[in-house]
PDB file of N, CA and C in Angstrom:
ATOM      1  N   UNK A   1      39.848   2.389  -7.416  1.00  0.00           N
ATOM      2  CA  UNK A   1      40.217   3.022  -8.635  1.00  0.00           C
ATOM      3  C   UNK A   1      41.647   2.535  -9.084  1.00  0.00           C
ATOM      4  N   UNK A   2      41.605   1.918 -10.020  1.00  0.00           N
ATOM      5  CA  UNK A   2      42.861   1.591 -10.586  1.00  0.00           C
ATOM      6  C   UNK A   2      42.961   0.037 -10.849  1.00  0.00           C
ATOM      7  N   UNK A   3      42.007  -0.754 -10.499  1.00  0.00           N
ATOM      8  CA  UNK A   3      41.941  -2.094 -10.875  1.00  0.00           C
ATOM      9  C   UNK A   3      42.631  -3.133  -9.897  1.00  0.00           C
ATOM     10  N   UNK A   4      43.189  -2.631  -8.798  1.00  0.00           N
ATOM     11  CA  UNK A   4      43.698  -3.480  -7.731  1.00  0.00           C
ATOM     12  C   UNK A   4      45.295  -3.670  -7.891  1.00  0.00           C
ATOM     13  N   UNK A   5      45.809  -4.434  -7.203  1.00  0.00           N
ATOM     14  CA  UNK A   5      47.257  -4.783  -7.294  1.00  0.00           C
ATOM     15  C   UNK A   5      47.780  -5.534  -8.553  1.00  0.00           C
ATOM     16  N   UNK A   6      48.990  -5.425  -8.995  1.00  0.00           N
ATOM     17  CA  UNK A   6      49.407  -6.299  -9.891  1.00  0.00           C
ATOM     18  C   UNK A   6      49.442  -7.750  -9.432  1.00  0.00           C
ATOM     19  N   UNK A   7      49.092  -8.471 -10.441  1.00  0.00           N
ATOM     20  CA  UNK A   7      48.859  -9.992 -10.114  1.00  0.00           C
ATOM     21  C   UNK A   7      49.984 -10.693 -10.898  1.00  0.00           C
ATOM     22  N   UNK A   8      50.255 -11.758 -10.589  1.00  0.00           N
ATOM     23  CA  UNK A   8      51.408 -12.655 -11.267  1.00  0.00           C
ATOM     24  C   UNK A   8      50.871 -13.057 -12.641  1.00  0.00           C
ATOM     25  N   UNK A   9      51.581 -13.029 -13.815  1.00  0.00           N
ATOM     26  CA  UNK A   9      51.134 -13.233 -15.077  1.00  0.00           C
ATOM     27  C   UNK A   9      52.283 -14.228 -15.640  1.00  0.00           C
ATOM     28  N   UNK A  10      51.788 -14.964 -16.592  1.00  0.00           N
ATOM     29  CA  UNK A  10      52.750 -15.796 -17.315  1.00  0.00           C
ATOM     30  C   UNK A  10      53.717 -15.146 -18.136  1.00  0.00           C
ATOM     31  N   UNK A  11      54.951 -15.616 -17.763  1.00  0.00           N
ATOM     32  CA  UNK A  11      56.228 -14.994 -18.456  1.00  0.00           C
ATOM     33  C   UNK A  11      56.413 -15.581 -19.832  1.00  0.00           C
ATOM     34  N   UNK A  12      55.790 -16.670 -20.237  1.00  0.00           N
ATOM     35  CA  UNK A  12      56.093 -17.068 -21.529  1.00  0.00           C
ATOM     36  C   UNK A  12      55.181 -16.419 -22.541  1.00  0.00           C
ATOM     37  N   UNK A  13      54.221 -15.705 -22.122  1.00  0.00           N
ATOM     38  CA  UNK A  13      53.406 -14.995 -23.191  1.00  0.00           C
ATOM     39  C   UNK A  13      54.219 -13.827 -23.819  1.00  0.00           C
ATOM     40  N   UNK A  14      54.182 -13.767 -25.261  1.00  0.00           N
ATOM     41  CA  UNK A  14      54.830 -12.729 -25.819  1.00  0.00           C
ATOM     42  C   UNK A  14      53.692 -11.530 -26.319  1.00  0.00           C
ATOM     43  N   UNK A  15      54.138 -10.390 -26.225  1.00  0.00           N
ATOM     44  CA  UNK A  15      52.995  -9.363 -26.833  1.00  0.00           C
ATOM     45  C   UNK A  15      53.741  -8.280 -27.496  1.00  0.00           C
ATOM     46  N   UNK A  16      53.247  -7.998 -28.800  1.00  0.00           N
ATOM     47  CA  UNK A  16      53.946  -6.781 -29.460  1.00  0.00           C
ATOM     48  C   UNK A  16      53.928  -5.596 -28.755  1.00  0.00           C
ATOM     49  N   UNK A  17      52.971  -5.386 -27.836  1.00  0.00           N
ATOM     50  CA  UNK A  17      52.848  -4.202 -27.139  1.00  0.00           C
ATOM     51  C   UNK A  17      53.659  -4.208 -25.854  1.00  0.00           C
ATOM     52  N   UNK A  18      54.411  -5.162 -25.450  1.00  0.00           N
ATOM     53  CA  UNK A  18      55.194  -5.056 -24.291  1.00  0.00           C
ATOM     54  C   UNK A  18      54.692  -6.032 -23.244  1.00  0.00           C
ATOM     55  N   UNK A  19      53.449  -6.524 -23.328  1.00  0.00           N
ATOM     56  CA  UNK A  19      53.015  -7.328 -22.237  1.00  0.00           C
ATOM     57  C   UNK A  19      52.282  -6.510 -21.108  1.00  0.00           C
ATOM     58  N   UNK A  20      52.163  -7.258 -20.073  1.00  0.00           N
ATOM     59  CA  UNK A  20      51.549  -6.673 -18.894  1.00  0.00           C
ATOM     60  C   UNK A  20      52.291  -5.639 -18.242  1.00  0.00           C
ATOM     61  N   UNK A  21      51.903  -4.406 -17.833  1.00  0.00           N
ATOM     62  CA  UNK A  21      52.489  -3.353 -17.258  1.00  0.00           C
ATOM     63  C   UNK A  21      53.837  -2.840 -17.782  1.00  0.00           C
ATOM     64  N   UNK A  22      53.871  -2.848 -19.158  1.00  0.00           N
ATOM     65  CA  UNK A  22      55.069  -2.417 -19.784  1.00  0.00           C
ATOM     66  C   UNK A  22      55.401  -0.898 -19.461  1.00  0.00           C
ATOM     67  N   UNK A  23      56.529  -0.780 -19.226  1.00  0.00           N
ATOM     68  CA  UNK A  23      57.055   0.700 -19.099  1.00  0.00           C
ATOM     69  C   UNK A  23      58.453   0.699 -19.485  1.00  0.00           C
ATOM     70  N   UNK A  24      58.882   0.659 -20.771  1.00  0.00           N
ATOM     71  CA  UNK A  24      60.156   0.720 -21.209  1.00  0.00           C
ATOM     72  C   UNK A  24      61.116   1.892 -20.713  1.00  0.00           C
ATOM     73  N   UNK A  25      62.216   1.630 -20.434  1.00  0.00           N
ATOM     74  CA  UNK A  25      62.969   2.722 -19.687  1.00  0.00           C
ATOM     75  C   UNK A  25      63.100   4.090 -20.529  1.00  0.00           C
ATOM     76  N   UNK A  26      63.263   3.843 -21.871  1.00  0.00           N
ATOM     77  CA  UNK A  26      63.576   5.124 -22.696  1.00  0.00           C
ATOM     78  C   UNK A  26      62.343   5.292 -23.587  1.00  0.00           C
ATOM     79  N   UNK A  27      61.206   5.170 -23.140  1.00  0.00           N
ATOM     80  CA  UNK A  27      59.973   5.443 -23.896  1.00  0.00           C
ATOM     81  C   UNK A  27      59.859   7.103 -24.318  1.00  0.00           C
ATOM     82  N   UNK A  28      60.510   7.821 -23.567  1.00  0.00           N
ATOM     83  CA  UNK A  28      60.238   9.307 -23.969  1.00  0.00           C
ATOM     84  C   UNK A  28      61.294   9.549 -24.987  1.00  0.00           C
ATOM     85  N   UNK A  29      62.424   9.046 -25.035  1.00  0.00           N
ATOM     86  CA  UNK A  29      63.455   9.088 -26.097  1.00  0.00           C
ATOM     87  C   UNK A  29      62.899   8.498 -27.349  1.00  0.00           C
ATOM     88  N   UNK A  30      62.415   7.372 -27.334  1.00  0.00           N
ATOM     89  CA  UNK A  30      61.970   6.676 -28.404  1.00  0.00           C
ATOM     90  C   UNK A  30      60.838   7.477 -29.016  1.00  0.00           C
ATOM     91  N   UNK A  31      59.946   7.921 -28.192  1.00  0.00           N
ATOM     92  CA  UNK A  31      58.731   8.838 -28.788  1.00  0.00           C
ATOM     93  C   UNK A  31      59.378  10.141 -29.574  1.00  0.00           C
ATOM     94  N   UNK A  32      60.267  10.755 -28.991  1.00  0.00           N
ATOM     95  CA  UNK A  32      60.922  11.997 -29.601  1.00  0.00           C
ATOM     96  C   UNK A  32      61.489  11.606 -30.722  1.00  0.00           C
ATOM     97  N   UNK A  33      62.368  10.459 -30.902  1.00  0.00           N
ATOM     98  CA  UNK A  33      62.897  10.143 -32.133  1.00  0.00           C
ATOM     99  C   UNK A  33      61.920   9.749 -33.226  1.00  0.00           C
ATOM    100  N   UNK A  34      60.804   8.971 -32.844  1.00  0.00           N
ATOM    101  CA  UNK A  34      59.928   8.769 -33.864  1.00  0.00           C
ATOM    102  C   UNK A  34      59.259   9.891 -34.251  1.00  0.00           C
ATOM    103  N   UNK A  35      58.877  10.866 -33.387  1.00  0.00           N
ATOM    104  CA  UNK A  35      58.160  11.982 -33.856  1.00  0.00           C
ATOM    105  C   UNK A  35      59.104  12.936 -34.889  1.00  0.00           C
ATOM    106  N   UNK A  36      60.291  12.985 -34.468  1.00  0.00           N
ATOM    107  CA  UNK A  36      61.145  13.740 -35.330  1.00  0.00           C
ATOM    108  C   UNK A  36      61.337  13.201 -36.739  1.00  0.00           C
ATOM    109  N   UNK A  37      61.132  11.826 -36.739  1.00  0.00           N
ATOM    110  CA  UNK A  37      61.164  11.033 -38.045  1.00  0.00           C
ATOM    111  C   UNK A  37      59.922  11.266 -38.789  1.00  0.00           C
ATOM    112  N   UNK A  38      58.814  11.267 -38.240  1.00  0.00           N
ATOM    113  CA  UNK A  38      57.617  11.432 -38.768  1.00  0.00           C
ATOM    114  C   UNK A  38      57.717  12.993 -39.450  1.00  0.00           C
ATOM    115  N   UNK A  39      58.100  13.880 -38.530  1.00  0.00           N
ATOM    116  CA  UNK A  39      58.094  15.305 -39.054  1.00  0.00           C
ATOM    117  C   UNK A  39      58.988  15.373 -40.270  1.00  0.00           C
ATOM    118  N   UNK A  40      60.191  14.787 -40.271  1.00  0.00           N
ATOM    119  CA  UNK A  40      61.097  14.800 -41.463  1.00  0.00           C
ATOM    120  C   UNK A  40      60.414  14.293 -42.725  1.00  0.00           C
ATOM    121  N   UNK A  41      59.828  13.069 -42.594  1.00  0.00           N
ATOM    122  CA  UNK A  41      59.132  12.565 -43.863  1.00  0.00           C
ATOM    123  C   UNK A  41      57.932  13.473 -44.304  1.00  0.00           C
ATOM    124  N   UNK A  42      57.098  13.898 -43.220  1.00  0.00           N
ATOM    125  CA  UNK A  42      56.043  14.960 -43.607  1.00  0.00           C
ATOM    126  C   UNK A  42      56.493  16.092 -44.388  1.00  0.00           C
ATOM    127  N   UNK A  43      57.850  16.596 -43.974  1.00  0.00           N
ATOM    128  CA  UNK A  43      58.137  17.934 -44.464  1.00  0.00           C
ATOM    129  C   UNK A  43      58.741  17.338 -45.971  1.00  0.00           C
ATOM    130  N   UNK A  44      59.497  16.280 -46.158  1.00  0.00           N
ATOM    131  CA  UNK A  44      59.798  15.964 -47.444  1.00  0.00           C
ATOM    132  C   UNK A  44      58.688  15.730 -48.472  1.00  0.00           C
ATOM    133  N   UNK A  45      57.542  15.072 -47.959  1.00  0.00           N
ATOM    134  CA  UNK A  45      56.496  14.794 -48.842  1.00  0.00           C
ATOM    135  C   UNK A  45      55.885  16.326 -49.252  1.00  0.00           C
ATOM    136  N   UNK A  46      55.746  17.252 -48.120  1.00  0.00           N
ATOM    137  CA  UNK A  46      55.198  18.534 -48.478  1.00  0.00           C
ATOM    138  C   UNK A  46      55.978  19.303 -49.554  1.00  0.00           C
ATOM    139  N   UNK A  47      57.328  19.089 -49.394  1.00  0.00           N
ATOM    140  CA  UNK A  47      58.089  19.876 -50.309  1.00  0.00           C
ATOM    141  C   UNK A  47      57.939  19.361 -51.692  1.00  0.00           C
ATOM    142  N   UNK A  48      57.996  18.059 -51.914  1.00  0.00           N
ATOM    143  CA  UNK A  48      58.002  17.477 -53.169  1.00  0.00           C
ATOM    144  C   UNK A  48      56.440  17.747 -53.875  1.00  0.00           C
ATOM    145  N   UNK A  49      55.421  17.683 -53.008  1.00  0.00           N
ATOM    146  CA  UNK A  49      54.200  17.924 -53.545  1.00  0.00           C
ATOM    147  C   UNK A  49      54.109  19.442 -54.059  1.00  0.00           C
ATOM    148  N   UNK A  50      54.812  20.425 -53.258  1.00  0.00           N
ATOM    149  CA  UNK A  50      54.668  21.783 -53.591  1.00  0.00           C
ATOM    150  C   UNK A  50      55.270  22.214 -54.817  1.00  0.00           C
ATOM    151  N   UNK A  51      56.421  21.313 -55.060  1.00  0.00           N
ATOM    152  CA  UNK A  51      57.248  21.537 -56.224  1.00  0.00           C
ATOM    153  C   UNK A  51      56.444  20.910 -57.557  1.00  0.00           C
ATOM    154  N   UNK A  52      55.667  19.980 -57.269  1.00  0.00           N
ATOM    155  CA  UNK A  52      55.076  19.354 -58.585  1.00  0.00           C
ATOM    156  C   UNK A  52      53.759  19.735 -58.729  1.00  0.00           C
ATOM    157  N   UNK A  53      53.149  20.656 -57.843  1.00  0.00           N
ATOM    158  CA  UNK A  53      51.785  20.888 -58.011  1.00  0.00           C
ATOM    159  C   UNK A  53      51.556  21.907 -59.191  1.00  0.00           C
ATOM    160  N   UNK A  54      50.581  21.530 -60.099  1.00  0.00           N
ATOM    161  CA  UNK A  54      50.306  22.354 -61.208  1.00  0.00           C
ATOM    162  C   UNK A  54      48.735  22.587 -61.237  1.00  0.00           C
ATOM    163  N   UNK A  55      48.156  23.675 -61.406  1.00  0.00           N
ATOM    164  CA  UNK A  55      46.917  23.898 -61.603  1.00  0.00           C
ATOM    165  C   UNK A  55      46.658  24.286 -63.204  1.00  0.00           C
ATOM    166  N   UNK A  56      45.926  23.580 -64.041  1.00  0.00           N
ATOM    167  CA  UNK A  56      45.675  24.034 -65.271  1.00  0.00           C
ATOM    168  C   UNK A  56      44.778  25.242 -65.578  1.00  0.00           C
ATOM    169  N   UNK A  57      43.930  25.424 -64.591  1.00  0.00           N
ATOM    170  CA  UNK A  57      42.868  26.660 -64.539  1.00  0.00           C
ATOM    171  C   UNK A  57      43.312  27.354 -63.208  1.00  0.00           C
ATOM    172  N   UNK A  58      43.714  28.810 -63.522  1.00  0.00           N
ATOM    173  CA  UNK A  58      43.959  29.611 -62.384  1.00  0.00           C
ATOM    174  C   UNK A  58      42.798  29.766 -61.481  1.00  0.00           C
ATOM    175  N   UNK A  59      42.930  29.551 -60.227  1.00  0.00           N
ATOM    176  CA  UNK A  59      41.793  29.719 -59.392  1.00  0.00           C
ATOM    177  C   UNK A  59      41.177  31.397 -59.255  1.00  0.00           C
ATOM    178  N   UNK A  60      40.036  31.360 -59.209  1.00  0.00           N
ATOM    179  CA  UNK A  60      39.330  32.665 -59.412  1.00  0.00           C
ATOM    180  C   UNK A  60      39.367  33.584 -58.095  1.00  0.00           C
ATOM    181  N   UNK A  61      39.711  32.843 -57.050  1.00  0.00           N
ATOM    182  CA  UNK A  61      40.083  33.467 -55.705  1.00  0.00           C
ATOM    183  C   UNK A  61      41.356  32.845 -55.214  1.00  0.00           C
ATOM    184  N   UNK A  62      42.054  33.499 -54.131  1.00  0.00           N
ATOM    185  CA  UNK A  62      43.340  32.911 -53.700  1.00  0.00           C
ATOM    186  C   UNK A  62      42.931  31.743 -52.745  1.00  0.00           C
ATOM    187  N   UNK A  63      43.766  30.672 -53.084  1.00  0.00           N
ATOM    188  CA  UNK A  63      43.688  29.583 -52.114  1.00  0.00           C
ATOM    189  C   UNK A  63      44.951  29.366 -51.228  1.00  0.00           C
ATOM    190  N   UNK A  64      44.895  28.653 -50.320  1.00  0.00           N
ATOM    191  CA  UNK A  64      46.105  28.423 -49.508  1.00  0.00           C
ATOM    192  C   UNK A  64      47.369  27.788 -50.145  1.00  0.00           C
ATOM    193  N   UNK A  65      47.109  26.959 -51.118  1.00  0.00           N
ATOM    194  CA  UNK A  65      48.253  26.220 -51.729  1.00  0.00           C
ATOM    195  C   UNK A  65      49.139  27.287 -52.501  1.00  0.00           C
ATOM    196  N   UNK A  66      48.504  28.466 -53.015  1.00  0.00           N
ATOM    197  CA  UNK A  66      49.088  29.267 -53.752  1.00  0.00           C
ATOM    198  C   UNK A  66      50.382  29.804 -53.263  1.00  0.00           C
ATOM    199  N   UNK A  67      50.443  29.815 -51.825  1.00  0.00           N
ATOM    200  CA  UNK A  67      51.447  30.573 -51.083  1.00  0.00           C
ATOM    201  C   UNK A  67      52.801  29.699 -51.190  1.00  0.00           C
ATOM    202  N   UNK A  68      52.652  28.258 -51.367  1.00  0.00           N
ATOM    203  CA  UNK A  68      53.819  27.466 -51.637  1.00  0.00           C
ATOM    204  C   UNK A  68      54.073  26.629 -52.764  1.00  0.00           C
ATOM    205  N   UNK A  69      52.985  26.685 -53.725  1.00  0.00           N
ATOM    206  CA  UNK A  69      53.162  26.026 -54.879  1.00  0.00           C
ATOM    207  C   UNK A  69      54.150  26.783 -55.807  1.00  0.00           C
ATOM    208  N   UNK A  70      55.080  26.003 -56.401  1.00  0.00           N
ATOM    209  CA  UNK A  70      55.999  26.508 -57.340  1.00  0.00           C
ATOM    210  C   UNK A  70      55.517  27.224 -58.484  1.00  0.00           C
ATOM    211  N   UNK A  71      54.329  26.735 -58.971  1.00  0.00           N
ATOM    212  CA  UNK A  71      53.792  27.598 -60.267  1.00  0.00           C
ATOM    213  C   UNK A  71      53.494  28.827 -59.850  1.00  0.00           C
ATOM    214  N   UNK A  72      52.825  29.147 -58.631  1.00  0.00           N
ATOM    215  CA  UNK A  72      52.309  30.540 -58.393  1.00  0.00           C
ATOM    216  C   UNK A  72      53.484  31.344 -57.915  1.00  0.00           C
ATOM    217  N   UNK A  73      54.395  30.693 -57.178  1.00  0.00           N
ATOM    218  CA  UNK A  73      55.702  31.663 -56.799  1.00  0.00           C
ATOM    219  C   UNK A  73      56.338  32.059 -57.943  1.00  0.00           C
ATOM    220  N   UNK A  74      56.634  31.273 -59.114  1.00  0.00           N
ATOM    221  CA  UNK A  74      57.293  31.895 -60.267  1.00  0.00           C
ATOM    222  C   UNK A  74      56.421  32.736 -61.055  1.00  0.00           C
ATOM    223  N   UNK A  75      54.974  32.712 -61.042  1.00  0.00           N
ATOM    224  CA  UNK A  75      54.204  33.440 -61.698  1.00  0.00           C
ATOM    225  C   UNK A  75      54.223  34.918 -60.860  1.00  0.00           C
ATOM    226  N   UNK A  76      54.390  34.818 -59.596  1.00  0.00           N
ATOM    227  CA  UNK A  76      54.541  36.274 -58.971  1.00  0.00           C
ATOM    228  C   UNK A  76      55.914  37.006 -59.195  1.00  0.00           C
ATOM    229  N   UNK A  77      56.875  36.233 -59.365  1.00  0.00           N
ATOM    230  CA  UNK A  77      58.234  36.787 -59.727  1.00  0.00           C
ATOM    231  C   UNK A  77      58.306  37.339 -61.204  1.00  0.00           C
ATOM    232  N   UNK A  78      57.465  36.667 -62.116  1.00  0.00           N
ATOM    233  CA  UNK A  78      57.450  37.323 -63.421  1.00  0.00           C
ATOM    234  C   UNK A  78      56.437  38.668 -63.405  1.00  0.00           C
ATOM    235  N   UNK A  79      55.552  38.596 -62.716  1.00  0.00           N
ATOM    236  CA  UNK A  79      54.579  39.650 -62.657  1.00  0.00           C
ATOM    237  C   UNK A  79      55.223  40.910 -62.114  1.00  0.00           C
ATOM    238  N   UNK A  80      56.117  40.704 -61.113  1.00  0.00           N
ATOM    239  CA  UNK A  80      56.657  41.876 -60.409  1.00  0.00           C
ATOM    240  C   UNK A  80      57.880  42.461 -61.171  1.00  0.00           C
ATOM    241  N   UNK A  81      58.498  41.486 -61.973  1.00  0.00           N
ATOM    242  CA  UNK A  81      59.640  42.200 -62.820  1.00  0.00           C
ATOM    243  C   UNK A  81      59.179  42.588 -64.163  1.00  0.00           C
TER     244      UNK A  81
END
């Protein structure tokens, strides 16, 4: 189980994935930084999308995007005051 011992491989071969038996020293840190970057971009896209969402016809039943869409948040404030 495991494919046997590591064998000699050509050193001149380049691979974008790191080559044979790649184990970068800081892979955990790099993964955490990348994940944080992806979350930051996703949050930014979510925020811009929620601010610009407009429904021309009001839904006949509650839908999830009504909780964060600017159009419905402003409408709730107007109805309560």
